[in-house]
Amino acid sequence: MGRSGDQTTPAAWSTETYAQLQTSVYNYTYGFMSALAADGIYPQYVQVGNEINSGMLWPIGSVGATTPTATTSPRSQASSTAAIAP
């Protein structure tokens, strides 16, 4: 178990590349939002990320990583959310 505030990559995604993580985050969020929509639920607001100043999907997405990943997951979440509930 990680420290409080850790934003560790889920075990199922732990071996994915940067590009694969982008797709996984998009697909996960899209699936979740689709399930809500199927039940007639369209949230007025969706918060993308929460307390992610140090990044998310560590270690690839940690702030200070060698690739520009810290903003990728929120962008993937936002675009998949907008695809369901523009």
C-alpha atoms as a PDB file:
ATOM      1  CA  MET A   1       0.000   0.000   0.000  1.00  0.00           C
ATOM      2  CA  GLY A   2       1.302   3.454  -0.879  1.00  0.00           C
ATOM      3  CA  ARG A   3       1.684   6.541   1.219  1.00  0.00           C
ATOM      4  CA  SER A   4      -1.221   8.891   1.740  1.00  0.00           C
ATOM      5  CA  GLY A   5      -1.621  10.990  -1.388  1.00  0.00           C
ATOM      6  CA  ASP A   6       0.082   8.510  -3.704  1.00  0.00           C
ATOM      7  CA  GLN A   7      -1.357   8.430  -7.198  1.00  0.00           C
ATOM      8  CA  THR A   8      -0.030   5.015  -8.182  1.00  0.00           C
ATOM      9  CA  THR A   9      -0.947   3.460 -11.513  1.00  0.00           C
ATOM     10  CA  PRO A  10      -3.527   0.641 -11.115  1.00  0.00           C
ATOM     11  CA  ALA A  11      -1.913  -2.805 -11.179  1.00  0.00           C
ATOM     12  CA  ALA A  12      -3.763  -3.743 -14.370  1.00  0.00           C
ATOM     13  CA  TRP A  13      -2.090  -0.811 -16.147  1.00  0.00           C
ATOM     14  CA  SER A  14       1.327  -1.004 -14.491  1.00  0.00           C
ATOM     15  CA  THR A  15       3.187  -2.285 -17.568  1.00  0.00           C
ATOM     16  CA  GLU A  16       1.568   0.080 -20.060  1.00  0.00           C
ATOM     17  CA  THR A  17       3.445   2.676 -22.038  1.00  0.00           C
ATOM     18  CA  TYR A  18       2.651   6.365 -21.864  1.00  0.00           C
ATOM     19  CA  ALA A  19       0.443   6.133 -24.974  1.00  0.00           C
ATOM     20  CA  GLN A  20      -1.348   3.049 -23.670  1.00  0.00           C
ATOM     21  CA  LEU A  21      -2.071   4.791 -20.357  1.00  0.00           C
ATOM     22  CA  GLN A  22      -3.681   7.685 -22.225  1.00  0.00           C
ATOM     23  CA  THR A  23      -5.971   5.233 -23.994  1.00  0.00           C
ATOM     24  CA  SER A  24      -6.744   3.298 -20.801  1.00  0.00           C
ATOM     25  CA  VAL A  25      -7.683   6.462 -18.905  1.00  0.00           C
ATOM     26  CA  TYR A  26      -9.865   7.608 -21.802  1.00  0.00           C
ATOM     27  CA  ASN A  27     -11.594   4.226 -22.111  1.00  0.00           C
ATOM     28  CA  TYR A  28     -12.142   3.856 -18.357  1.00  0.00           C
ATOM     29  CA  THR A  29     -13.655   7.327 -18.031  1.00  0.00           C
ATOM     30  CA  TYR A  30     -15.704   6.901 -21.204  1.00  0.00           C
ATOM     31  CA  GLY A  31     -17.073   3.592 -19.910  1.00  0.00           C
ATOM     32  CA  PHE A  32     -17.971   5.108 -16.553  1.00  0.00           C
ATOM     33  CA  MET A  33     -19.695   8.107 -18.114  1.00  0.00           C
ATOM     34  CA  SER A  34     -21.483   5.823 -20.597  1.00  0.00           C
ATOM     35  CA  ALA A  35     -22.833   3.720 -17.726  1.00  0.00           C
ATOM     36  CA  LEU A  36     -24.196   6.847 -16.053  1.00  0.00           C
ATOM     37  CA  ALA A  37     -25.750   8.032 -19.324  1.00  0.00           C
ATOM     38  CA  ALA A  38     -27.355   4.614 -19.876  1.00  0.00           C
ATOM     39  CA  ASP A  39     -29.149   5.148 -16.565  1.00  0.00           C
ATOM     40  CA  GLY A  40     -30.201   8.653 -17.592  1.00  0.00           C
ATOM     41  CA  ILE A  41     -27.674  10.324 -15.304  1.00  0.00           C
ATOM     42  CA  TYR A  42     -25.869  13.329 -16.725  1.00  0.00           C
ATOM     43  CA  PRO A  43     -23.787  15.076 -14.057  1.00  0.00           C
ATOM     44  CA  GLN A  44     -23.854  18.848 -14.219  1.00  0.00           C
ATOM     45  CA  TYR A  45     -20.177  18.956 -13.256  1.00  0.00           C
ATOM     46  CA  VAL A  46     -17.388  16.408 -13.463  1.00  0.00           C
ATOM     47  CA  GLN A  47     -14.177  17.080 -11.578  1.00  0.00           C
ATOM     48  CA  VAL A  48     -11.209  15.799 -13.508  1.00  0.00           C
ATOM     49  CA  GLY A  49      -8.537  14.834 -11.008  1.00  0.00           C
ATOM     50  CA  ASN A  50      -8.481  15.601  -7.326  1.00  0.00           C
ATOM     51  CA  GLU A  51      -5.451  16.761  -5.403  1.00  0.00           C
ATOM     52  CA  ILE A  52      -3.092  15.797  -8.213  1.00  0.00           C
ATOM     53  CA  ASN A  53      -0.425  18.466  -7.716  1.00  0.00           C
ATOM     54  CA  SER A  54       2.208  15.721  -7.705  1.00  0.00           C
ATOM     55  CA  GLY A  55       0.750  14.077 -10.804  1.00  0.00           C
ATOM     56  CA  MET A  56      -1.126  10.813 -11.197  1.00  0.00           C
ATOM     57  CA  LEU A  57      -0.467   7.349 -12.554  1.00  0.00           C
ATOM     58  CA  TRP A  58       2.944   7.224 -10.882  1.00  0.00           C
ATOM     59  CA  PRO A  59       5.707   6.776 -11.761  1.00  0.00           C
ATOM     60  CA  ILE A  60       5.117   7.718 -15.403  1.00  0.00           C
ATOM     61  CA  GLY A  61       2.719  10.539 -14.583  1.00  0.00           C
ATOM     62  CA  SER A  62       4.503  12.023 -11.607  1.00  0.00           C
ATOM     63  CA  VAL A  63       5.340  15.699 -11.760  1.00  0.00           C
ATOM     64  CA  GLY A  64       8.975  15.904 -12.766  1.00  0.00           C
ATOM     65  CA  ALA A  65       8.850  12.759 -14.896  1.00  0.00           C
ATOM     66  CA  THR A  66      10.857  12.923 -18.107  1.00  0.00           C
ATOM     67  CA  THR A  67       7.745  12.885 -20.293  1.00  0.00           C
ATOM     68  CA  PRO A  68       4.969  15.508 -20.201  1.00  0.00           C
ATOM     69  CA  THR A  69       2.553  13.128 -18.515  1.00  0.00           C
ATOM     70  CA  ALA A  70       1.221  15.046 -15.537  1.00  0.00           C
ATOM     71  CA  THR A  71      -1.499  16.677 -17.653  1.00  0.00           C
ATOM     72  CA  THR A  72      -2.242  13.727 -19.923  1.00  0.00           C
ATOM     73  CA  SER A  73      -4.631  11.853 -17.663  1.00  0.00           C
ATOM     74  CA  PRO A  74      -6.787  14.895 -16.900  1.00  0.00           C
ATOM     75  CA  ARG A  75      -6.929  15.701 -20.632  1.00  0.00           C
ATOM     76  CA  SER A  76      -7.936  12.102 -21.433  1.00  0.00           C
ATOM     77  CA  GLN A  77     -10.615  12.228 -18.740  1.00  0.00           C
ATOM     78  CA  ALA A  78     -11.934  15.573 -19.931  1.00  0.00           C
ATOM     79  CA  SER A  79     -12.150  14.521 -23.582  1.00  0.00           C
ATOM     80  CA  SER A  80     -13.891  11.243 -22.788  1.00  0.00           C
ATOM     81  CA  THR A  81     -16.333  13.026 -20.478  1.00  0.00           C
ATOM     82  CA  ALA A  82     -17.118  15.587 -23.165  1.00  0.00           C
ATOM     83  CA  ALA A  83     -17.763  12.780 -25.662  1.00  0.00           C
ATOM     84  CA  ILE A  84     -20.631  11.547 -23.474  1.00  0.00           C
ATOM     85  CA  ALA A  85     -21.941  14.758 -21.948  1.00  0.00           C
ATOM     86  CA  PRO A  86     -20.837  17.760 -23.987  1.00  0.00           C
END
